[in-house]
């Protein structure tokens, strides 16, 4: 399961059997807003949302970006993973 950074559509995505799990973002200056996470019902419970969100956060970390978690899933993820707390805007 490879996470692809789809820069043209501003998202990190995993494709499985024609379905997509993804987190969408907007980027302005040095801030990445993670605003929407989606996993199709038939793919839920496999850790896909966690994988795409973690990849987005690692991208932010590597590029010295701050993160605005306007998606509830991302906000909860950041609460549960203090190793990313320095990214929060």
PDB file of N, CA and C in Angstrom:
ATOM      1  N   UNK A   1       0.839  -1.184   0.000  1.00  0.00           N
ATOM      2  CA  UNK A   1       0.000   0.000   0.000  1.00  0.00           C
ATOM      3  C   UNK A   1       0.881   1.243   0.000  1.00  0.00           C
ATOM      4  N   UNK A   2       1.043   1.799  -1.149  1.00  0.00           N
ATOM      5  CA  UNK A   2       1.870   2.988  -1.285  1.00  0.00           C
ATOM      6  C   UNK A   2       0.996   4.236  -1.227  1.00  0.00           C
ATOM      7  N   UNK A   3       1.423   5.206  -0.436  1.00  0.00           N
ATOM      8  CA  UNK A   3       0.745   6.494  -0.396  1.00  0.00           C
ATOM      9  C   UNK A   3       1.355   7.357  -1.490  1.00  0.00           C
ATOM     10  N   UNK A   4       0.498   7.905  -2.330  1.00  0.00           N
ATOM     11  CA  UNK A   4       0.926   8.756  -3.437  1.00  0.00           C
ATOM     12  C   UNK A   4       0.598  10.200  -3.089  1.00  0.00           C
ATOM     13  N   UNK A   5       1.568  11.079  -3.284  1.00  0.00           N
ATOM     14  CA  UNK A   5       1.311  12.513  -3.107  1.00  0.00           C
ATOM     15  C   UNK A   5       0.834  13.049  -4.452  1.00  0.00           C
ATOM     16  N   UNK A   6      -0.457  13.266  -4.555  1.00  0.00           N
ATOM     17  CA  UNK A   6      -1.090  13.779  -5.765  1.00  0.00           C
ATOM     18  C   UNK A   6      -1.119  15.306  -5.666  1.00  0.00           C
ATOM     19  N   UNK A   7      -0.014  15.936  -6.037  1.00  0.00           N
ATOM     20  CA  UNK A   7       0.119  17.397  -5.893  1.00  0.00           C
ATOM     21  C   UNK A   7      -0.900  18.152  -6.736  1.00  0.00           C
ATOM     22  N   UNK A   8      -1.221  17.633  -7.913  1.00  0.00           N
ATOM     23  CA  UNK A   8      -2.183  18.327  -8.786  1.00  0.00           C
ATOM     24  C   UNK A   8      -3.552  18.474  -8.138  1.00  0.00           C
ATOM     25  N   UNK A   9      -3.930  17.502  -7.314  1.00  0.00           N
ATOM     26  CA  UNK A   9      -5.230  17.537  -6.640  1.00  0.00           C
ATOM     27  C   UNK A   9      -5.111  17.817  -5.145  1.00  0.00           C
ATOM     28  N   UNK A  10      -3.911  18.179  -4.691  1.00  0.00           N
ATOM     29  CA  UNK A  10      -3.647  18.542  -3.296  1.00  0.00           C
ATOM     30  C   UNK A  10      -4.165  17.491  -2.318  1.00  0.00           C
ATOM     31  N   UNK A  11      -3.630  16.282  -2.455  1.00  0.00           N
ATOM     32  CA  UNK A  11      -4.040  15.210  -1.559  1.00  0.00           C
ATOM     33  C   UNK A  11      -2.992  14.107  -1.517  1.00  0.00           C
ATOM     34  N   UNK A  12      -3.066  13.327  -0.460  1.00  0.00           N
ATOM     35  CA  UNK A  12      -2.277  12.112  -0.311  1.00  0.00           C
ATOM     36  C   UNK A  12      -3.274  10.966  -0.420  1.00  0.00           C
ATOM     37  N   UNK A  13      -2.979   9.971  -1.254  1.00  0.00           N
ATOM     38  CA  UNK A  13      -3.979   8.958  -1.574  1.00  0.00           C
ATOM     39  C   UNK A  13      -3.370   7.559  -1.637  1.00  0.00           C
ATOM     40  N   UNK A  14      -4.183   6.568  -1.235  1.00  0.00           N
ATOM     41  CA  UNK A  14      -3.877   5.145  -1.429  1.00  0.00           C
ATOM     42  C   UNK A  14      -4.987   4.598  -2.322  1.00  0.00           C
ATOM     43  N   UNK A  15      -4.594   3.912  -3.381  1.00  0.00           N
ATOM     44  CA  UNK A  15      -5.578   3.303  -4.287  1.00  0.00           C
ATOM     45  C   UNK A  15      -5.549   1.793  -4.124  1.00  0.00           C
ATOM     46  N   UNK A  16      -6.738   1.223  -3.864  1.00  0.00           N
ATOM     47  CA  UNK A  16      -6.880  -0.236  -3.703  1.00  0.00           C
ATOM     48  C   UNK A  16      -8.132  -0.683  -4.438  1.00  0.00           C
ATOM     49  N   UNK A  17      -7.970  -1.618  -5.361  1.00  0.00           N
ATOM     50  CA  UNK A  17      -9.113  -2.192  -6.098  1.00  0.00           C
ATOM     51  C   UNK A  17     -10.036  -1.123  -6.670  1.00  0.00           C
ATOM     52  N   UNK A  18      -9.466  -0.084  -7.241  1.00  0.00           N
ATOM     53  CA  UNK A  18     -10.269   0.964  -7.869  1.00  0.00           C
ATOM     54  C   UNK A  18     -10.882   1.957  -6.897  1.00  0.00           C
ATOM     55  N   UNK A  19     -10.618   1.808  -5.619  1.00  0.00           N
ATOM     56  CA  UNK A  19     -11.139   2.728  -4.596  1.00  0.00           C
ATOM     57  C   UNK A  19      -9.992   3.561  -4.039  1.00  0.00           C
ATOM     58  N   UNK A  20     -10.333   4.704  -3.455  1.00  0.00           N
ATOM     59  CA  UNK A  20      -9.310   5.596  -2.917  1.00  0.00           C
ATOM     60  C   UNK A  20      -9.598   5.993  -1.476  1.00  0.00           C
ATOM     61  N   UNK A  21      -8.550   5.966  -0.675  1.00  0.00           N
ATOM     62  CA  UNK A  21      -8.571   6.542   0.667  1.00  0.00           C
ATOM     63  C   UNK A  21      -7.623   7.731   0.603  1.00  0.00           C
ATOM     64  N   UNK A  22      -8.043   8.888   1.137  1.00  0.00           N
ATOM     65  CA  UNK A  22      -7.215  10.075   0.954  1.00  0.00           C
ATOM     66  C   UNK A  22      -7.417  11.105   2.056  1.00  0.00           C
ATOM     67  N   UNK A  23      -6.449  12.025   2.118  1.00  0.00           N
ATOM     68  CA  UNK A  23      -6.579  13.245   2.910  1.00  0.00           C
ATOM     69  C   UNK A  23      -6.289  14.399   1.950  1.00  0.00           C
ATOM     70  N   UNK A  24      -7.177  15.384   1.959  1.00  0.00           N
ATOM     71  CA  UNK A  24      -7.019  16.550   1.095  1.00  0.00           C
ATOM     72  C   UNK A  24      -6.464  17.714   1.908  1.00  0.00           C
ATOM     73  N   UNK A  25      -5.728  18.569   1.229  1.00  0.00           N
ATOM     74  CA  UNK A  25      -5.118  19.700   1.918  1.00  0.00           C
ATOM     75  C   UNK A  25      -5.124  20.947   1.041  1.00  0.00           C
ATOM     76  N   UNK A  26      -4.942  22.079   1.698  1.00  0.00           N
ATOM     77  CA  UNK A  26      -4.640  23.317   0.987  1.00  0.00           C
ATOM     78  C   UNK A  26      -3.350  23.846   1.580  1.00  0.00           C
ATOM     79  N   UNK A  27      -2.590  24.520   0.759  1.00  0.00           N
ATOM     80  CA  UNK A  27      -1.283  24.999   1.155  1.00  0.00           C
ATOM     81  C   UNK A  27      -1.210  26.490   0.897  1.00  0.00           C
ATOM     82  N   UNK A  28      -0.854  27.248   1.925  1.00  0.00           N
ATOM     83  CA  UNK A  28      -0.655  28.686   1.753  1.00  0.00           C
ATOM     84  C   UNK A  28       0.511  29.099   2.635  1.00  0.00           C
ATOM     85  N   UNK A  29       1.453  29.790   2.006  1.00  0.00           N
ATOM     86  CA  UNK A  29       2.717  30.163   2.650  1.00  0.00           C
ATOM     87  C   UNK A  29       3.340  28.917   3.268  1.00  0.00           C
ATOM     88  N   UNK A  30       3.545  28.902   4.573  1.00  0.00           N
ATOM     89  CA  UNK A  30       4.174  27.729   5.202  1.00  0.00           C
ATOM     90  C   UNK A  30       3.170  26.945   6.053  1.00  0.00           C
ATOM     91  N   UNK A  31       1.894  26.980   5.642  1.00  0.00           N
ATOM     92  CA  UNK A  31       0.833  26.301   6.400  1.00  0.00           C
ATOM     93  C   UNK A  31       0.091  25.314   5.496  1.00  0.00           C
ATOM     94  N   UNK A  32      -0.054  24.093   6.006  1.00  0.00           N
ATOM     95  CA  UNK A  32      -0.829  23.063   5.310  1.00  0.00           C
ATOM     96  C   UNK A  32      -2.094  22.806   6.120  1.00  0.00           C
ATOM     97  N   UNK A  33      -3.229  23.078   5.509  1.00  0.00           N
ATOM     98  CA  UNK A  33      -4.505  22.786   6.161  1.00  0.00           C
ATOM     99  C   UNK A  33      -4.986  21.428   5.675  1.00  0.00           C
ATOM    100  N   UNK A  34      -5.128  20.498   6.595  1.00  0.00           N
ATOM    101  CA  UNK A  34      -5.665  19.171   6.276  1.00  0.00           C
ATOM    102  C   UNK A  34      -7.156  19.226   6.583  1.00  0.00           C
ATOM    103  N   UNK A  35      -7.974  19.272   5.542  1.00  0.00           N
ATOM    104  CA  UNK A  35      -9.390  19.585   5.740  1.00  0.00           C
ATOM    105  C   UNK A  35     -10.376  18.467   5.428  1.00  0.00           C
ATOM    106  N   UNK A  36      -9.921  17.359   4.835  1.00  0.00           N
ATOM    107  CA  UNK A  36     -10.893  16.303   4.519  1.00  0.00           C
ATOM    108  C   UNK A  36     -10.187  14.960   4.393  1.00  0.00           C
ATOM    109  N   UNK A  37     -10.669  13.987   5.135  1.00  0.00           N
ATOM    110  CA  UNK A  37     -10.161  12.613   5.057  1.00  0.00           C
ATOM    111  C   UNK A  37     -11.328  11.713   4.675  1.00  0.00           C
ATOM    112  N   UNK A  38     -11.062  10.766   3.767  1.00  0.00           N
ATOM    113  CA  UNK A  38     -12.136   9.856   3.360  1.00  0.00           C
ATOM    114  C   UNK A  38     -11.562   8.471   3.083  1.00  0.00           C
ATOM    115  N   UNK A  39     -12.277   7.460   3.550  1.00  0.00           N
ATOM    116  CA  UNK A  39     -12.004   6.064   3.222  1.00  0.00           C
ATOM    117  C   UNK A  39     -13.337   5.411   2.890  1.00  0.00           C
ATOM    118  N   UNK A  40     -13.450   4.746   1.735  1.00  0.00           N
ATOM    119  CA  UNK A  40     -14.699   4.076   1.381  1.00  0.00           C
ATOM    120  C   UNK A  40     -15.088   3.048   2.452  1.00  0.00           C
ATOM    121  N   UNK A  41     -16.379   2.869   2.706  1.00  0.00           N
ATOM    122  CA  UNK A  41     -16.833   1.944   3.753  1.00  0.00           C
ATOM    123  C   UNK A  41     -16.209   0.548   3.672  1.00  0.00           C
ATOM    124  N   UNK A  42     -16.064   0.012   2.471  1.00  0.00           N
ATOM    125  CA  UNK A  42     -15.539  -1.346   2.332  1.00  0.00           C
ATOM    126  C   UNK A  42     -14.044  -1.447   2.656  1.00  0.00           C
ATOM    127  N   UNK A  43     -13.344  -0.305   2.754  1.00  0.00           N
ATOM    128  CA  UNK A  43     -11.912  -0.319   3.078  1.00  0.00           C
ATOM    129  C   UNK A  43     -11.625   0.159   4.500  1.00  0.00           C
ATOM    130  N   UNK A  44     -12.647   0.515   5.239  1.00  0.00           N
ATOM    131  CA  UNK A  44     -12.444   1.028   6.592  1.00  0.00           C
ATOM    132  C   UNK A  44     -11.968  -0.071   7.534  1.00  0.00           C
ATOM    133  N   UNK A  45     -11.271   0.361   8.579  1.00  0.00           N
ATOM    134  CA  UNK A  45     -10.757  -0.573   9.578  1.00  0.00           C
ATOM    135  C   UNK A  45      -9.423  -1.198   9.211  1.00  0.00           C
ATOM    136  N   UNK A  46      -8.794  -0.719   8.143  1.00  0.00           N
ATOM    137  CA  UNK A  46      -7.518  -1.277   7.692  1.00  0.00           C
ATOM    138  C   UNK A  46      -6.344  -0.330   7.927  1.00  0.00           C
ATOM    139  N   UNK A  47      -6.619   0.809   8.588  1.00  0.00           N
ATOM    140  CA  UNK A  47      -5.545   1.753   8.880  1.00  0.00           C
ATOM    141  C   UNK A  47      -5.148   2.656   7.734  1.00  0.00           C
ATOM    142  N   UNK A  48      -5.988   2.725   6.707  1.00  0.00           N
ATOM    143  CA  UNK A  48      -5.634   3.524   5.530  1.00  0.00           C
ATOM    144  C   UNK A  48      -5.654   5.018   5.822  1.00  0.00           C
ATOM    145  N   UNK A  49      -6.675   5.491   6.539  1.00  0.00           N
ATOM    146  CA  UNK A  49      -6.747   6.916   6.875  1.00  0.00           C
ATOM    147  C   UNK A  49      -5.527   7.306   7.707  1.00  0.00           C
ATOM    148  N   UNK A  50      -5.170   6.472   8.661  1.00  0.00           N
ATOM    149  CA  UNK A  50      -3.987   6.757   9.477  1.00  0.00           C
ATOM    150  C   UNK A  50      -2.747   6.859   8.599  1.00  0.00           C
ATOM    151  N   UNK A  51      -2.627   5.974   7.644  1.00  0.00           N
ATOM    152  CA  UNK A  51      -1.444   5.960   6.785  1.00  0.00           C
ATOM    153  C   UNK A  51      -1.352   7.214   5.925  1.00  0.00           C
ATOM    154  N   UNK A  52      -2.458   7.669   5.336  1.00  0.00           N
ATOM    155  CA  UNK A  52      -2.394   8.869   4.503  1.00  0.00           C
ATOM    156  C   UNK A  52      -2.169  10.120   5.349  1.00  0.00           C
ATOM    157  N   UNK A  53      -2.777  10.168   6.534  1.00  0.00           N
ATOM    158  CA  UNK A  53      -2.588  11.323   7.420  1.00  0.00           C
ATOM    159  C   UNK A  53      -1.156  11.368   7.925  1.00  0.00           C
ATOM    160  N   UNK A  54      -0.626  10.239   8.334  1.00  0.00           N
ATOM    161  CA  UNK A  54       0.761  10.196   8.814  1.00  0.00           C
ATOM    162  C   UNK A  54       1.725  10.634   7.705  1.00  0.00           C
ATOM    163  N   UNK A  55       1.471  10.206   6.481  1.00  0.00           N
ATOM    164  CA  UNK A  55       2.319  10.604   5.355  1.00  0.00           C
ATOM    165  C   UNK A  55       2.242  12.110   5.124  1.00  0.00           C
ATOM    166  N   UNK A  56       1.038  12.678   5.213  1.00  0.00           N
ATOM    167  CA  UNK A  56       0.881  14.126   5.054  1.00  0.00           C
ATOM    168  C   UNK A  56       1.632  14.879   6.155  1.00  0.00           C
ATOM    169  N   UNK A  57       1.557  14.377   7.376  1.00  0.00           N
ATOM    170  CA  UNK A  57       2.250  15.028   8.489  1.00  0.00           C
ATOM    171  C   UNK A  57       3.771  14.922   8.340  1.00  0.00           C
ATOM    172  N   UNK A  58       4.239  13.793   7.866  1.00  0.00           N
ATOM    173  CA  UNK A  58       5.680  13.649   7.624  1.00  0.00           C
ATOM    174  C   UNK A  58       6.135  14.606   6.522  1.00  0.00           C
ATOM    175  N   UNK A  59       5.303  14.777   5.511  1.00  0.00           N
ATOM    176  CA  UNK A  59       5.613  15.731   4.447  1.00  0.00           C
ATOM    177  C   UNK A  59       5.708  17.142   5.028  1.00  0.00           C
ATOM    178  N   UNK A  60       4.756  17.495   5.880  1.00  0.00           N
ATOM    179  CA  UNK A  60       4.771  18.815   6.518  1.00  0.00           C
ATOM    180  C   UNK A  60       6.037  18.988   7.351  1.00  0.00           C
ATOM    181  N   UNK A  61       6.389  17.967   8.096  1.00  0.00           N
ATOM    182  CA  UNK A  61       7.585  18.025   8.944  1.00  0.00           C
ATOM    183  C   UNK A  61       8.849  18.225   8.100  1.00  0.00           C
ATOM    184  N   UNK A  62       8.973  17.462   7.029  1.00  0.00           N
ATOM    185  CA  UNK A  62      10.156  17.541   6.167  1.00  0.00           C
ATOM    186  C   UNK A  62      10.267  18.874   5.442  1.00  0.00           C
ATOM    187  N   UNK A  63       9.141  19.549   5.254  1.00  0.00           N
ATOM    188  CA  UNK A  63       9.123  20.811   4.513  1.00  0.00           C
ATOM    189  C   UNK A  63       8.906  22.029   5.411  1.00  0.00           C
ATOM    190  N   UNK A  64       9.082  21.827   6.720  1.00  0.00           N
ATOM    191  CA  UNK A  64       8.944  22.913   7.698  1.00  0.00           C
ATOM    192  C   UNK A  64       7.616  23.656   7.588  1.00  0.00           C
ATOM    193  N   UNK A  65       6.542  22.886   7.450  1.00  0.00           N
ATOM    194  CA  UNK A  65       5.200  23.461   7.358  1.00  0.00           C
ATOM    195  C   UNK A  65       4.487  23.312   8.695  1.00  0.00           C
ATOM    196  N   UNK A  66       3.654  24.263   9.014  1.00  0.00           N
ATOM    197  CA  UNK A  66       2.739  24.136  10.145  1.00  0.00           C
ATOM    198  C   UNK A  66       1.469  23.485   9.619  1.00  0.00           C
ATOM    199  N   UNK A  67       0.712  22.847  10.503  1.00  0.00           N
ATOM    200  CA  UNK A  67      -0.491  22.120  10.101  1.00  0.00           C
ATOM    201  C   UNK A  67      -1.712  22.673  10.824  1.00  0.00           C
ATOM    202  N   UNK A  68      -2.768  22.913  10.060  1.00  0.00           N
ATOM    203  CA  UNK A  68      -4.074  23.273  10.615  1.00  0.00           C
ATOM    204  C   UNK A  68      -4.972  22.050  10.417  1.00  0.00           C
ATOM    205  N   UNK A  69      -5.387  21.397  11.509  1.00  0.00           N
ATOM    206  CA  UNK A  69      -6.215  20.191  11.393  1.00  0.00           C
ATOM    207  C   UNK A  69      -7.706  20.525  11.393  1.00  0.00           C
ATOM    208  N   UNK A  70      -8.227  20.990  10.262  1.00  0.00           N
ATOM    209  CA  UNK A  70      -9.653  21.338  10.232  1.00  0.00           C
ATOM    210  C   UNK A  70     -10.555  20.129   9.995  1.00  0.00           C
ATOM    211  N   UNK A  71      -9.974  18.985   9.720  1.00  0.00           N
ATOM    212  CA  UNK A  71     -10.706  17.715   9.628  1.00  0.00           C
ATOM    213  C   UNK A  71     -10.700  17.075  11.010  1.00  0.00           C
ATOM    214  N   UNK A  72     -11.843  16.599  11.467  1.00  0.00           N
ATOM    215  CA  UNK A  72     -11.931  16.023  12.810  1.00  0.00           C
ATOM    216  C   UNK A  72     -11.026  14.800  12.971  1.00  0.00           C
ATOM    217  N   UNK A  73     -10.893  13.993  11.937  1.00  0.00           N
ATOM    218  CA  UNK A  73     -10.025  12.818  12.032  1.00  0.00           C
ATOM    219  C   UNK A  73      -8.580  13.250  12.284  1.00  0.00           C
ATOM    220  N   UNK A  74      -8.125  14.260  11.548  1.00  0.00           N
ATOM    221  CA  UNK A  74      -6.754  14.738  11.701  1.00  0.00           C
ATOM    222  C   UNK A  74      -6.555  15.348  13.089  1.00  0.00           C
ATOM    223  N   UNK A  75      -7.537  16.097  13.575  1.00  0.00           N
ATOM    224  CA  UNK A  75      -7.444  16.703  14.911  1.00  0.00           C
ATOM    225  C   UNK A  75      -7.280  15.628  15.983  1.00  0.00           C
ATOM    226  N   UNK A  76      -8.068  14.574  15.913  1.00  0.00           N
ATOM    227  CA  UNK A  76      -7.977  13.476  16.885  1.00  0.00           C
ATOM    228  C   UNK A  76      -6.640  12.752  16.730  1.00  0.00           C
ATOM    229  N   UNK A  77      -6.215  12.544  15.509  1.00  0.00           N
ATOM    230  CA  UNK A  77      -4.929  11.886  15.259  1.00  0.00           C
ATOM    231  C   UNK A  77      -3.797  12.667  15.933  1.00  0.00           C
ATOM    232  N   UNK A  78      -3.807  13.991  15.787  1.00  0.00           N
ATOM    233  CA  UNK A  78      -2.768  14.818  16.397  1.00  0.00           C
ATOM    234  C   UNK A  78      -2.820  14.758  17.925  1.00  0.00           C
ATOM    235  N   UNK A  79      -4.011  14.662  18.491  1.00  0.00           N
ATOM    236  CA  UNK A  79      -4.132  14.529  19.947  1.00  0.00           C
ATOM    237  C   UNK A  79      -3.524  13.209  20.432  1.00  0.00           C
ATOM    238  N   UNK A  80      -3.700  12.169  19.653  1.00  0.00           N
ATOM    239  CA  UNK A  80      -3.233  10.834  20.039  1.00  0.00           C
ATOM    240  C   UNK A  80      -1.757  10.585  19.720  1.00  0.00           C
ATOM    241  N   UNK A  81      -1.162  11.475  18.915  1.00  0.00           N
ATOM    242  CA  UNK A  81       0.228  11.300  18.492  1.00  0.00           C
ATOM    243  C   UNK A  81       1.031  12.563  18.789  1.00  0.00           C
ATOM    244  N   UNK A  82       1.459  12.702  20.037  1.00  0.00           N
ATOM    245  CA  UNK A  82       2.169  13.925  20.444  1.00  0.00           C
ATOM    246  C   UNK A  82       3.484  14.152  19.705  1.00  0.00           C
ATOM    247  N   UNK A  83       3.993  13.144  19.021  1.00  0.00           N
ATOM    248  CA  UNK A  83       5.223  13.334  18.263  1.00  0.00           C
ATOM    249  C   UNK A  83       5.052  14.343  17.125  1.00  0.00           C
ATOM    250  N   UNK A  84       3.813  14.668  16.797  1.00  0.00           N
ATOM    251  CA  UNK A  84       3.546  15.665  15.748  1.00  0.00           C
ATOM    252  C   UNK A  84       3.063  17.002  16.320  1.00  0.00           C
ATOM    253  N   UNK A  85       3.080  17.162  17.625  1.00  0.00           N
ATOM    254  CA  UNK A  85       2.511  18.367  18.240  1.00  0.00           C
ATOM    255  C   UNK A  85       3.189  19.654  17.793  1.00  0.00           C
ATOM    256  N   UNK A  86       4.472  19.583  17.472  1.00  0.00           N
ATOM    257  CA  UNK A  86       5.178  20.799  17.041  1.00  0.00           C
ATOM    258  C   UNK A  86       4.705  21.314  15.681  1.00  0.00           C
ATOM    259  N   UNK A  87       3.953  20.501  14.951  1.00  0.00           N
ATOM    260  CA  UNK A  87       3.457  20.909  13.631  1.00  0.00           C
ATOM    261  C   UNK A  87       2.203  21.763  13.715  1.00  0.00           C
ATOM    262  N   UNK A  88       1.484  21.649  14.819  1.00  0.00           N
ATOM    263  CA  UNK A  88       0.180  22.334  14.931  1.00  0.00           C
ATOM    264  C   UNK A  88       0.331  23.839  14.893  1.00  0.00           C
ATOM    265  N   UNK A  89      -0.473  24.466  14.073  1.00  0.00           N
ATOM    266  CA  UNK A  89      -0.506  25.929  13.943  1.00  0.00           C
ATOM    267  C   UNK A  89      -1.288  26.526  15.079  1.00  0.00           C
TER     268      UNK A  89
END
